[in-house]
Amino acid sequence: MSAEKVLRRQSRKRRIRARISGTKDRPRLSVYRSLTGMTVQLIDDNAGRTLLAASTREAEAKLTKDGAKKLGTLIATKAKEAKITSIVFDRNGYKYHGRVKELADAAREGGLSF
């Protein structure tokens, strides 16, 4: 990825994070994409700690839209077990399409509201 592309994504990320924050009752669902996998975390920003995490490796899924669906379903079931139903979605500067959109849709279908 070119340096300019990285800087533009980081700029978008800063704008997004200026507006959203996670709490214990409504944690932030942070998405990270890479070339080899995808990870999500439920974060309580007030306490500065990660409540839950999941990855495509843990979901035993490939890095495709179907894999993102599996990851969204996995994080939704983990959140249900931890009695978390409402979250704030942090796309982390990535465009809301493709794998990120599929992940969000699967998490909504799994019972998370955002």
PDB file of N, CA and C in Angstrom:
ATOM      1  N   MET A   1       0.846  -1.163   0.000  1.00  0.00           N
ATOM      2  CA  MET A   1       0.000   0.000   0.000  1.00  0.00           C
ATOM      3  C   MET A   1       0.900   1.237   0.000  1.00  0.00           C
ATOM      4  N   SER A   2       0.540   2.224  -0.795  1.00  0.00           N
ATOM      5  CA  SER A   2       1.369   3.415  -0.877  1.00  0.00           C
ATOM      6  C   SER A   2       1.263   4.245   0.400  1.00  0.00           C
ATOM      7  N   ALA A   3       2.274   5.028   0.647  1.00  0.00           N
ATOM      8  CA  ALA A   3       2.305   5.848   1.858  1.00  0.00           C
ATOM      9  C   ALA A   3       1.167   6.860   1.867  1.00  0.00           C
ATOM     10  N   GLU A   4       0.840   7.393   0.704  1.00  0.00           N
ATOM     11  CA  GLU A   4      -0.250   8.375   0.621  1.00  0.00           C
ATOM     12  C   GLU A   4      -1.593   7.737   0.982  1.00  0.00           C
ATOM     13  N   LYS A   5      -1.800   6.516   0.544  1.00  0.00           N
ATOM     14  CA  LYS A   5      -3.052   5.815   0.840  1.00  0.00           C
ATOM     15  C   LYS A   5      -3.179   5.544   2.338  1.00  0.00           C
ATOM     16  N   VAL A   6      -2.068   5.170   2.965  1.00  0.00           N
ATOM     17  CA  VAL A   6      -2.058   4.925   4.403  1.00  0.00           C
ATOM     18  C   VAL A   6      -2.370   6.215   5.155  1.00  0.00           C
ATOM     19  N   LEU A   7      -1.757   7.315   4.751  1.00  0.00           N
ATOM     20  CA  LEU A   7      -1.992   8.602   5.412  1.00  0.00           C
ATOM     21  C   LEU A   7      -3.449   9.048   5.284  1.00  0.00           C
ATOM     22  N   ARG A   8      -4.053   8.820   4.117  1.00  0.00           N
ATOM     23  CA  ARG A   8      -5.464   9.189   3.942  1.00  0.00           C
ATOM     24  C   ARG A   8      -6.363   8.356   4.847  1.00  0.00           C
ATOM     25  N   ARG A   9      -6.083   7.045   4.987  1.00  0.00           N
ATOM     26  CA  ARG A   9      -6.882   6.198   5.863  1.00  0.00           C
ATOM     27  C   ARG A   9      -6.710   6.623   7.314  1.00  0.00           C
ATOM     28  N   GLN A  10      -5.485   6.954   7.712  1.00  0.00           N
ATOM     29  CA  GLN A  10      -5.254   7.400   9.085  1.00  0.00           C
ATOM     30  C   GLN A  10      -5.969   8.714   9.377  1.00  0.00           C
ATOM     31  N   SER A  11      -6.062   9.574   8.382  1.00  0.00           N
ATOM     32  CA  SER A  11      -6.790  10.834   8.542  1.00  0.00           C
ATOM     33  C   SER A  11      -8.283  10.563   8.743  1.00  0.00           C
ATOM     34  N   ARG A  12      -8.830   9.655   7.934  1.00  0.00           N
ATOM     35  CA  ARG A  12     -10.242   9.268   8.102  1.00  0.00           C
ATOM     36  C   ARG A  12     -10.457   8.644   9.472  1.00  0.00           C
ATOM     37  N   LYS A  13      -9.518   7.824   9.912  1.00  0.00           N
ATOM     38  CA  LYS A  13      -9.613   7.162  11.210  1.00  0.00           C
ATOM     39  C   LYS A  13      -9.662   8.195  12.340  1.00  0.00           C
ATOM     40  N   ARG A  14      -8.803   9.220  12.274  1.00  0.00           N
ATOM     41  CA  ARG A  14      -8.804  10.259  13.304  1.00  0.00           C
ATOM     42  C   ARG A  14     -10.136  11.010  13.342  1.00  0.00           C
ATOM     43  N   ARG A  15     -10.704  11.302  12.190  1.00  0.00           N
ATOM     44  CA  ARG A  15     -12.003  11.999  12.143  1.00  0.00           C
ATOM     45  C   ARG A  15     -13.096  11.147  12.772  1.00  0.00           C
ATOM     46  N   ILE A  16     -13.090   9.861  12.473  1.00  0.00           N
ATOM     47  CA  ILE A  16     -14.101   8.949  13.015  1.00  0.00           C
ATOM     48  C   ILE A  16     -13.948   8.831  14.524  1.00  0.00           C
ATOM     49  N   ARG A  17     -12.713   8.637  14.997  1.00  0.00           N
ATOM     50  CA  ARG A  17     -12.475   8.431  16.428  1.00  0.00           C
ATOM     51  C   ARG A  17     -12.725   9.678  17.257  1.00  0.00           C
ATOM     52  N   ALA A  18     -12.714  10.844  16.625  1.00  0.00           N
ATOM     53  CA  ALA A  18     -13.021  12.075  17.340  1.00  0.00           C
ATOM     54  C   ALA A  18     -14.493  12.115  17.726  1.00  0.00           C
ATOM     55  N   ARG A  19     -15.322  11.394  16.992  1.00  0.00           N
ATOM     56  CA  ARG A  19     -16.766  11.426  17.222  1.00  0.00           C
ATOM     57  C   ARG A  19     -17.300  10.254  18.012  1.00  0.00           C
ATOM     58  N   ILE A  20     -16.621   9.102  17.980  1.00  0.00           N
ATOM     59  CA  ILE A  20     -17.166   7.925  18.648  1.00  0.00           C
ATOM     60  C   ILE A  20     -16.249   7.441  19.757  1.00  0.00           C
ATOM     61  N   SER A  21     -16.871   6.856  20.770  1.00  0.00           N
ATOM     62  CA  SER A  21     -16.128   6.312  21.898  1.00  0.00           C
ATOM     63  C   SER A  21     -16.946   5.186  22.506  1.00  0.00           C
ATOM     64  N   GLY A  22     -16.288   4.175  23.010  1.00  0.00           N
ATOM     65  CA  GLY A  22     -16.972   3.035  23.607  1.00  0.00           C
ATOM     66  C   GLY A  22     -17.021   3.138  25.119  1.00  0.00           C
ATOM     67  N   THR A  23     -18.093   2.607  25.689  1.00  0.00           N
ATOM     68  CA  THR A  23     -18.236   2.543  27.143  1.00  0.00           C
ATOM     69  C   THR A  23     -18.425   1.084  27.536  1.00  0.00           C
ATOM     70  N   LYS A  24     -18.538   0.825  28.824  1.00  0.00           N
ATOM     71  CA  LYS A  24     -18.743  -0.556  29.276  1.00  0.00           C
ATOM     72  C   LYS A  24     -20.105  -1.066  28.815  1.00  0.00           C
ATOM     73  N   ASP A  25     -21.129  -0.203  28.862  1.00  0.00           N
ATOM     74  CA  ASP A  25     -22.468  -0.602  28.443  1.00  0.00           C
ATOM     75  C   ASP A  25     -22.606  -0.679  26.925  1.00  0.00           C
ATOM     76  N   ARG A  26     -21.867   0.178  26.219  1.00  0.00           N
ATOM     77  CA  ARG A  26     -21.945   0.218  24.757  1.00  0.00           C
ATOM     78  C   ARG A  26     -20.530   0.309  24.195  1.00  0.00           C
ATOM     79  N   PRO A  27     -19.831  -0.840  24.108  1.00  0.00           N
ATOM     80  CA  PRO A  27     -18.437  -0.817  23.656  1.00  0.00           C
ATOM     81  C   PRO A  27     -18.307  -0.519  22.165  1.00  0.00           C
ATOM     82  N   ARG A  28     -17.095  -0.172  21.781  1.00  0.00           N
ATOM     83  CA  ARG A  28     -16.786   0.146  20.384  1.00  0.00           C
ATOM     84  C   ARG A  28     -16.307  -1.128  19.690  1.00  0.00           C
ATOM     85  N   LEU A  29     -16.919  -1.461  18.549  1.00  0.00           N
ATOM     86  CA  LEU A  29     -16.503  -2.606  17.743  1.00  0.00           C
ATOM     87  C   LEU A  29     -15.514  -2.095  16.712  1.00  0.00           C
ATOM     88  N   SER A  30     -14.235  -2.343  16.944  1.00  0.00           N
ATOM     89  CA  SER A  30     -13.169  -1.861  16.073  1.00  0.00           C
ATOM     90  C   SER A  30     -12.780  -2.959  15.092  1.00  0.00           C
ATOM     91  N   VAL A  31     -12.681  -2.601  13.813  1.00  0.00           N
ATOM     92  CA  VAL A  31     -12.370  -3.552  12.739  1.00  0.00           C
ATOM     93  C   VAL A  31     -10.952  -3.290  12.248  1.00  0.00           C
ATOM     94  N   TYR A  32     -10.179  -4.348  12.035  1.00  0.00           N
ATOM     95  CA  TYR A  32      -8.863  -4.230  11.415  1.00  0.00           C
ATOM     96  C   TYR A  32      -8.763  -5.237  10.289  1.00  0.00           C
ATOM     97  N   ARG A  33      -8.423  -4.736   9.096  1.00  0.00           N
ATOM     98  CA  ARG A  33      -8.223  -5.594   7.936  1.00  0.00           C
ATOM     99  C   ARG A  33      -6.737  -5.648   7.617  1.00  0.00           C
ATOM    100  N   SER A  34      -6.292  -6.806   7.186  1.00  0.00           N
ATOM    101  CA  SER A  34      -4.932  -6.907   6.656  1.00  0.00           C
ATOM    102  C   SER A  34      -5.005  -7.793   5.421  1.00  0.00           C
ATOM    103  N   LEU A  35      -3.868  -8.031   4.824  1.00  0.00           N
ATOM    104  CA  LEU A  35      -3.860  -8.878   3.630  1.00  0.00           C
ATOM    105  C   LEU A  35      -4.054 -10.345   3.976  1.00  0.00           C
ATOM    106  N   THR A  36      -3.784 -10.719   5.221  1.00  0.00           N
ATOM    107  CA  THR A  36      -3.861 -12.123   5.598  1.00  0.00           C
ATOM    108  C   THR A  36      -5.007 -12.448   6.534  1.00  0.00           C
ATOM    109  N   GLY A  37      -5.648 -11.467   7.129  1.00  0.00           N
ATOM    110  CA  GLY A  37      -6.724 -11.746   8.071  1.00  0.00           C
ATOM    111  C   GLY A  37      -7.512 -10.513   8.421  1.00  0.00           C
ATOM    112  N   MET A  38      -8.474 -10.723   9.294  1.00  0.00           N
ATOM    113  CA  MET A  38      -9.335  -9.642   9.751  1.00  0.00           C
ATOM    114  C   MET A  38      -9.601  -9.879  11.233  1.00  0.00           C
ATOM    115  N   THR A  39      -9.507  -8.833  12.039  1.00  0.00           N
ATOM    116  CA  THR A  39      -9.772  -8.964  13.461  1.00  0.00           C
ATOM    117  C   THR A  39     -10.762  -7.897  13.898  1.00  0.00           C
ATOM    118  N   VAL A  40     -11.515  -8.213  14.945  1.00  0.00           N
ATOM    119  CA  VAL A  40     -12.435  -7.251  15.544  1.00  0.00           C
ATOM    120  C   VAL A  40     -12.249  -7.296  17.058  1.00  0.00           C
ATOM    121  N   GLN A  41     -12.487  -6.150  17.687  1.00  0.00           N
ATOM    122  CA  GLN A  41     -12.372  -6.057  19.137  1.00  0.00           C
ATOM    123  C   GLN A  41     -13.540  -5.239  19.665  1.00  0.00           C
ATOM    124  N   LEU A  42     -14.049  -5.620  20.810  1.00  0.00           N
ATOM    125  CA  LEU A  42     -15.008  -4.795  21.534  1.00  0.00           C
ATOM    126  C   LEU A  42     -14.222  -4.087  22.629  1.00  0.00           C
ATOM    127  N   ILE A  43     -14.200  -2.754  22.583  1.00  0.00           N
ATOM    128  CA  ILE A  43     -13.312  -1.961  23.424  1.00  0.00           C
ATOM    129  C   ILE A  43     -14.110  -1.015  24.313  1.00  0.00           C
ATOM    130  N   ASP A  44     -13.739  -0.978  25.581  1.00  0.00           N
ATOM    131  CA  ASP A  44     -14.254   0.006  26.529  1.00  0.00           C
ATOM    132  C   ASP A  44     -13.212   1.120  26.605  1.00  0.00           C
ATOM    133  N   ASP A  45     -13.483   2.259  25.945  1.00  0.00           N
ATOM    134  CA  ASP A  45     -12.505   3.343  25.901  1.00  0.00           C
ATOM    135  C   ASP A  45     -12.367   4.068  27.233  1.00  0.00           C
ATOM    136  N   ASN A  46     -13.398   4.072  28.053  1.00  0.00           N
ATOM    137  CA  ASN A  46     -13.300   4.729  29.365  1.00  0.00           C
ATOM    138  C   ASN A  46     -12.274   4.037  30.242  1.00  0.00           C
ATOM    139  N   ALA A  47     -12.299   2.706  30.255  1.00  0.00           N
ATOM    140  CA  ALA A  47     -11.345   1.941  31.058  1.00  0.00           C
ATOM    141  C   ALA A  47     -10.058   1.668  30.283  1.00  0.00           C
ATOM    142  N   GLY A  48     -10.095   1.818  28.967  1.00  0.00           N
ATOM    143  CA  GLY A  48      -8.917   1.564  28.155  1.00  0.00           C
ATOM    144  C   GLY A  48      -8.576   0.097  28.037  1.00  0.00           C
ATOM    145  N   ARG A  49      -9.616  -0.756  27.933  1.00  0.00           N
ATOM    146  CA  ARG A  49      -9.339  -2.190  27.819  1.00  0.00           C
ATOM    147  C   ARG A  49     -10.238  -2.859  26.791  1.00  0.00           C
ATOM    148  N   THR A  50      -9.740  -3.961  26.259  1.00  0.00           N
ATOM    149  CA  THR A  50     -10.479  -4.758  25.300  1.00  0.00           C
ATOM    150  C   THR A  50     -11.341  -5.760  26.059  1.00  0.00           C
ATOM    151  N   LEU A  51     -12.640  -5.769  25.749  1.00  0.00           N
ATOM    152  CA  LEU A  51     -13.559  -6.688  26.418  1.00  0.00           C
ATOM    153  C   LEU A  51     -13.595  -8.045  25.723  1.00  0.00           C
ATOM    154  N   LEU A  52     -13.683  -8.031  24.387  1.00  0.00           N
ATOM    155  CA  LEU A  52     -13.729  -9.258  23.589  1.00  0.00           C
ATOM    156  C   LEU A  52     -12.942  -9.052  22.308  1.00  0.00           C
ATOM    157  N   ALA A  53     -12.484 -10.135  21.724  1.00  0.00           N
ATOM    158  CA  ALA A  53     -11.788 -10.070  20.443  1.00  0.00           C
ATOM    159  C   ALA A  53     -12.059 -11.337  19.659  1.00  0.00           C
ATOM    160  N   ALA A  54     -11.988 -11.226  18.335  1.00  0.00           N
ATOM    161  CA  ALA A  54     -12.145 -12.384  17.456  1.00  0.00           C
ATOM    162  C   ALA A  54     -11.392 -12.106  16.158  1.00  0.00           C
ATOM    163  N   SER A  55     -10.997 -13.171  15.484  1.00  0.00           N
ATOM    164  CA  SER A  55     -10.287 -13.025  14.214  1.00  0.00           C
ATOM    165  C   SER A  55     -10.763 -14.089  13.232  1.00  0.00           C
ATOM    166  N   THR A  56     -10.387 -13.919  11.974  1.00  0.00           N
ATOM    167  CA  THR A  56     -10.762 -14.916  10.969  1.00  0.00           C
ATOM    168  C   THR A  56     -10.055 -16.238  11.242  1.00  0.00           C
ATOM    169  N   ARG A  57      -8.889 -16.192  11.860  1.00  0.00           N
ATOM    170  CA  ARG A  57      -8.207 -17.445  12.228  1.00  0.00           C
ATOM    171  C   ARG A  57      -9.012 -18.208  13.267  1.00  0.00           C
ATOM    172  N   GLU A  58      -9.510 -17.480  14.248  1.00  0.00           N
ATOM    173  CA  GLU A  58     -10.311 -18.107  15.298  1.00  0.00           C
ATOM    174  C   GLU A  58     -11.623 -18.649  14.731  1.00  0.00           C
ATOM    175  N   ALA A  59     -12.185 -17.928  13.769  1.00  0.00           N
ATOM    176  CA  ALA A  59     -13.441 -18.351  13.145  1.00  0.00           C
ATOM    177  C   ALA A  59     -13.209 -19.429  12.093  1.00  0.00           C
ATOM    178  N   GLU A  60     -11.930 -19.751  11.848  1.00  0.00           N
ATOM    179  CA  GLU A  60     -11.541 -20.730  10.821  1.00  0.00           C
ATOM    180  C   GLU A  60     -12.183 -20.383   9.490  1.00  0.00           C
ATOM    181  N   ALA A  61     -11.993 -19.121   9.100  1.00  0.00           N
ATOM    182  CA  ALA A  61     -12.596 -18.613   7.873  1.00  0.00           C
ATOM    183  C   ALA A  61     -11.519 -18.029   6.972  1.00  0.00           C
ATOM    184  N   LYS A  62     -11.790 -18.061   5.677  1.00  0.00           N
ATOM    185  CA  LYS A  62     -10.894 -17.440   4.714  1.00  0.00           C
ATOM    186  C   LYS A  62     -11.167 -15.937   4.682  1.00  0.00           C
ATOM    187  N   LEU A  63     -10.262 -15.209   4.092  1.00  0.00           N
ATOM    188  CA  LEU A  63     -10.386 -13.756   4.024  1.00  0.00           C
ATOM    189  C   LEU A  63     -11.221 -13.358   2.809  1.00  0.00           C
ATOM    190  N   THR A  64     -12.516 -13.658   2.901  1.00  0.00           N
ATOM    191  CA  THR A  64     -13.473 -13.315   1.850  1.00  0.00           C
ATOM    192  C   THR A  64     -14.697 -12.709   2.516  1.00  0.00           C
ATOM    193  N   LYS A  65     -15.691 -12.379   1.707  1.00  0.00           N
ATOM    194  CA  LYS A  65     -16.934 -11.860   2.271  1.00  0.00           C
ATOM    195  C   LYS A  65     -17.601 -12.904   3.155  1.00  0.00           C
ATOM    196  N   ASP A  66     -17.543 -14.159   2.749  1.00  0.00           N
ATOM    197  CA  ASP A  66     -18.112 -15.233   3.573  1.00  0.00           C
ATOM    198  C   ASP A  66     -17.353 -15.367   4.900  1.00  0.00           C
ATOM    199  N   GLY A  67     -16.048 -15.210   4.846  1.00  0.00           N
ATOM    200  CA  GLY A  67     -15.244 -15.243   6.071  1.00  0.00           C
ATOM    201  C   GLY A  67     -15.596 -14.090   6.999  1.00  0.00           C
ATOM    202  N   ALA A  68     -15.866 -12.925   6.426  1.00  0.00           N
ATOM    203  CA  ALA A  68     -16.263 -11.766   7.227  1.00  0.00           C
ATOM    204  C   ALA A  68     -17.622 -12.011   7.880  1.00  0.00           C
ATOM    205  N   LYS A  69     -18.507 -12.712   7.171  1.00  0.00           N
ATOM    206  CA  LYS A  69     -19.812 -13.063   7.755  1.00  0.00           C
ATOM    207  C   LYS A  69     -19.624 -13.978   8.959  1.00  0.00           C
ATOM    208  N   LYS A  70     -18.743 -14.977   8.816  1.00  0.00           N
ATOM    209  CA  LYS A  70     -18.474 -15.888   9.923  1.00  0.00           C
ATOM    210  C   LYS A  70     -17.896 -15.136  11.120  1.00  0.00           C
ATOM    211  N   LEU A  71     -17.012 -14.190  10.844  1.00  0.00           N
ATOM    212  CA  LEU A  71     -16.401 -13.396  11.908  1.00  0.00           C
ATOM    213  C   LEU A  71     -17.448 -12.529  12.611  1.00  0.00           C
ATOM    214  N   GLY A  72     -18.354 -11.933  11.840  1.00  0.00           N
ATOM    215  CA  GLY A  72     -19.429 -11.134  12.430  1.00  0.00           C
ATOM    216  C   GLY A  72     -20.341 -11.969  13.307  1.00  0.00           C
ATOM    217  N   THR A  73     -20.654 -13.168  12.865  1.00  0.00           N
ATOM    218  CA  THR A  73     -21.487 -14.073  13.653  1.00  0.00           C
ATOM    219  C   THR A  73     -20.763 -14.499  14.927  1.00  0.00           C
ATOM    220  N   LEU A  74     -19.461 -14.774  14.824  1.00  0.00           N
ATOM    221  CA  LEU A  74     -18.674 -15.184  15.988  1.00  0.00           C
ATOM    222  C   LEU A  74     -18.618 -14.084  17.044  1.00  0.00           C
ATOM    223  N   ILE A  75     -18.357 -12.850  16.640  1.00  0.00           N
ATOM    224  CA  ILE A  75     -18.265 -11.766  17.621  1.00  0.00           C
ATOM    225  C   ILE A  75     -19.633 -11.479  18.231  1.00  0.00           C
ATOM    226  N   ALA A  76     -20.708 -11.677  17.459  1.00  0.00           N
ATOM    227  CA  ALA A  76     -22.058 -11.470  17.998  1.00  0.00           C
ATOM    228  C   ALA A  76     -22.388 -12.524  19.052  1.00  0.00           C
ATOM    229  N   THR A  77     -22.004 -13.777  18.819  1.00  0.00           N
ATOM    230  CA  THR A  77     -22.278 -14.813  19.815  1.00  0.00           C
ATOM    231  C   THR A  77     -21.438 -14.597  21.073  1.00  0.00           C
ATOM    232  N   LYS A  78     -20.174 -14.183  20.906  1.00  0.00           N
ATOM    233  CA  LYS A  78     -19.341 -13.885  22.073  1.00  0.00           C
ATOM    234  C   LYS A  78     -19.929 -12.722  22.871  1.00  0.00           C
ATOM    235  N   ALA A  79     -20.437 -11.719  22.172  1.00  0.00           N
ATOM    236  CA  ALA A  79     -21.024 -10.558  22.850  1.00  0.00           C
ATOM    237  C   ALA A  79     -22.296 -10.949  23.594  1.00  0.00           C
ATOM    238  N   LYS A  80     -23.096 -11.827  22.998  1.00  0.00           N
ATOM    239  CA  LYS A  80     -24.306 -12.296  23.678  1.00  0.00           C
ATOM    240  C   LYS A  80     -23.958 -13.015  24.974  1.00  0.00           C
ATOM    241  N   GLU A  81     -22.923 -13.856  24.930  1.00  0.00           N
ATOM    242  CA  GLU A  81     -22.492 -14.579  26.127  1.00  0.00           C
ATOM    243  C   GLU A  81     -22.024 -13.612  27.207  1.00  0.00           C
ATOM    244  N   ALA A  82     -21.446 -12.477  26.796  1.00  0.00           N
ATOM    245  CA  ALA A  82     -20.986 -11.467  27.752  1.00  0.00           C
ATOM    246  C   ALA A  82     -22.088 -10.460  28.075  1.00  0.00           C
ATOM    247  N   LYS A  83     -23.299 -10.723  27.579  1.00  0.00           N
ATOM    248  CA  LYS A  83     -24.478  -9.874  27.817  1.00  0.00           C
ATOM    249  C   LYS A  83     -24.301  -8.461  27.281  1.00  0.00           C
ATOM    250  N   ILE A  84     -23.706  -8.366  26.085  1.00  0.00           N
ATOM    251  CA  ILE A  84     -23.565  -7.085  25.383  1.00  0.00           C
ATOM    252  C   ILE A  84     -24.492  -7.130  24.175  1.00  0.00           C
ATOM    253  N   THR A  85     -25.398  -6.171  24.078  1.00  0.00           N
ATOM    254  CA  THR A  85     -26.346  -6.161  22.955  1.00  0.00           C
ATOM    255  C   THR A  85     -26.212  -4.920  22.087  1.00  0.00           C
ATOM    256  N   SER A  86     -25.689  -3.837  22.638  1.00  0.00           N
ATOM    257  CA  SER A  86     -25.587  -2.583  21.904  1.00  0.00           C
ATOM    258  C   SER A  86     -24.123  -2.171  21.787  1.00  0.00           C
ATOM    259  N   ILE A  87     -23.705  -1.787  20.583  1.00  0.00           N
ATOM    260  CA  ILE A  87     -22.319  -1.403  20.351  1.00  0.00           C
ATOM    261  C   ILE A  87     -22.251  -0.135  19.515  1.00  0.00           C
ATOM    262  N   VAL A  88     -21.040   0.405  19.385  1.00  0.00           N
ATOM    263  CA  VAL A  88     -20.737   1.502  18.469  1.00  0.00           C
ATOM    264  C   VAL A  88     -19.790   0.923  17.428  1.00  0.00           C
ATOM    265  N   PHE A  89     -20.103   1.084  16.147  1.00  0.00           N
ATOM    266  CA  PHE A  89     -19.296   0.473  15.083  1.00  0.00           C
ATOM    267  C   PHE A  89     -18.197   1.433  14.651  1.00  0.00           C
ATOM    268  N   ASP A  90     -16.951   0.954  14.684  1.00  0.00           N
ATOM    269  CA  ASP A  90     -15.787   1.731  14.265  1.00  0.00           C
ATOM    270  C   ASP A  90     -15.169   1.030  13.063  1.00  0.00           C
ATOM    271  N   ARG A  91     -15.382   1.578  11.880  1.00  0.00           N
ATOM    272  CA  ARG A  91     -14.861   0.945  10.664  1.00  0.00           C
ATOM    273  C   ARG A  91     -13.381   1.236  10.472  1.00  0.00           C
ATOM    274  N   ASN A  92     -12.813   2.073  11.347  1.00  0.00           N
ATOM    275  CA  ASN A  92     -11.369   2.294  11.401  1.00  0.00           C
ATOM    276  C   ASN A  92     -10.797   2.934  10.142  1.00  0.00           C
ATOM    277  N   GLY A  93     -11.573   3.751   9.458  1.00  0.00           N
ATOM    278  CA  GLY A  93     -11.084   4.434   8.263  1.00  0.00           C
ATOM    279  C   GLY A  93     -11.282   3.650   6.983  1.00  0.00           C
ATOM    280  N   TYR A  94     -11.720   2.405   7.075  1.00  0.00           N
ATOM    281  CA  TYR A  94     -11.971   1.603   5.875  1.00  0.00           C
ATOM    282  C   TYR A  94     -13.322   1.983   5.286  1.00  0.00           C
ATOM    283  N   LYS A  95     -13.465   1.824   3.976  1.00  0.00           N
ATOM    284  CA  LYS A  95     -14.746   2.098   3.340  1.00  0.00           C
ATOM    285  C   LYS A  95     -15.767   1.075   3.813  1.00  0.00           C
ATOM    286  N   TYR A  96     -17.021   1.516   3.930  1.00  0.00           N
ATOM    287  CA  TYR A  96     -18.088   0.625   4.386  1.00  0.00           C
ATOM    288  C   TYR A  96     -18.639  -0.127   3.178  1.00  0.00           C
ATOM    289  N   HIS A  97     -17.897  -1.101   2.715  1.00  0.00           N
ATOM    290  CA  HIS A  97     -18.336  -1.973   1.637  1.00  0.00           C
ATOM    291  C   HIS A  97     -17.509  -3.240   1.690  1.00  0.00           C
ATOM    292  N   GLY A  98     -17.918  -4.231   0.942  1.00  0.00           N
ATOM    293  CA  GLY A  98     -17.155  -5.472   0.890  1.00  0.00           C
ATOM    294  C   GLY A  98     -17.125  -6.199   2.215  1.00  0.00           C
ATOM    295  N   ARG A  99     -15.917  -6.549   2.669  1.00  0.00           N
ATOM    296  CA  ARG A  99     -15.757  -7.342   3.893  1.00  0.00           C
ATOM    297  C   ARG A  99     -16.247  -6.613   5.135  1.00  0.00           C
ATOM    298  N   VAL A 100     -16.024  -5.305   5.200  1.00  0.00           N
ATOM    299  CA  VAL A 100     -16.443  -4.535   6.375  1.00  0.00           C
ATOM    300  C   VAL A 100     -17.965  -4.514   6.472  1.00  0.00           C
ATOM    301  N   LYS A 101     -18.638  -4.332   5.349  1.00  0.00           N
ATOM    302  CA  LYS A 101     -20.107  -4.299   5.328  1.00  0.00           C
ATOM    303  C   LYS A 101     -20.685  -5.668   5.681  1.00  0.00           C
ATOM    304  N   GLU A 102     -20.110  -6.724   5.149  1.00  0.00           N
ATOM    305  CA  GLU A 102     -20.577  -8.077   5.442  1.00  0.00           C
ATOM    306  C   GLU A 102     -20.413  -8.398   6.927  1.00  0.00           C
ATOM    307  N   LEU A 103     -19.296  -7.983   7.507  1.00  0.00           N
ATOM    308  CA  LEU A 103     -19.059  -8.183   8.934  1.00  0.00           C
ATOM    309  C   LEU A 103     -20.133  -7.473   9.754  1.00  0.00           C
ATOM    310  N   ALA A 104     -20.408  -6.224   9.418  1.00  0.00           N
ATOM    311  CA  ALA A 104     -21.405  -5.439  10.153  1.00  0.00           C
ATOM    312  C   ALA A 104     -22.795  -6.046  10.017  1.00  0.00           C
ATOM    313  N   ASP A 105     -23.157  -6.466   8.822  1.00  0.00           N
ATOM    314  CA  ASP A 105     -24.478  -7.061   8.598  1.00  0.00           C
ATOM    315  C   ASP A 105     -24.639  -8.360   9.382  1.00  0.00           C
ATOM    316  N   ALA A 106     -23.583  -9.185   9.402  1.00  0.00           N
ATOM    317  CA  ALA A 106     -23.641 -10.452  10.147  1.00  0.00           C
ATOM    318  C   ALA A 106     -23.731 -10.201  11.646  1.00  0.00           C
ATOM    319  N   ALA A 107     -23.045  -9.172  12.129  1.00  0.00           N
ATOM    320  CA  ALA A 107     -23.117  -8.850  13.559  1.00  0.00           C
ATOM    321  C   ALA A 107     -24.522  -8.377  13.920  1.00  0.00           C
ATOM    322  N   ARG A 108     -25.148  -7.611  13.034  1.00  0.00           N
ATOM    323  CA  ARG A 108     -26.537  -7.172  13.274  1.00  0.00           C
ATOM    324  C   ARG A 108     -27.482  -8.368  13.289  1.00  0.00           C
ATOM    325  N   GLU A 109     -27.305  -9.275  12.336  1.00  0.00           N
ATOM    326  CA  GLU A 109     -28.150 -10.472  12.275  1.00  0.00           C
ATOM    327  C   GLU A 109     -27.928 -11.341  13.500  1.00  0.00           C
ATOM    328  N   GLY A 110     -26.729 -11.312  14.062  1.00  0.00           N
ATOM    329  CA  GLY A 110     -26.408 -12.095  15.256  1.00  0.00           C
ATOM    330  C   GLY A 110     -26.978 -11.517  16.540  1.00  0.00           C
ATOM    331  N   GLY A 111     -27.551 -10.323  16.468  1.00  0.00           N
ATOM    332  CA  GLY A 111     -28.210  -9.759  17.647  1.00  0.00           C
ATOM    333  C   GLY A 111     -27.612  -8.479  18.182  1.00  0.00           C
ATOM    334  N   LEU A 112     -26.551  -7.978  17.593  1.00  0.00           N
ATOM    335  CA  LEU A 112     -25.973  -6.717  18.047  1.00  0.00           C
ATOM    336  C   LEU A 112     -26.714  -5.554  17.392  1.00  0.00           C
ATOM    337  N   SER A 113     -26.938  -4.504  18.162  1.00  0.00           N
ATOM    338  CA  SER A 113     -27.598  -3.326  17.579  1.00  0.00           C
ATOM    339  C   SER A 113     -26.636  -2.156  17.581  1.00  0.00           C
ATOM    340  N   PHE A 114     -26.559  -1.503  16.417  1.00  0.00           N
ATOM    341  CA  PHE A 114     -25.733  -0.306  16.261  1.00  0.00           C
ATOM    342  C   PHE A 114     -26.214   0.484  15.077  1.00  0.00           C
TER     343      PHE A 114
END
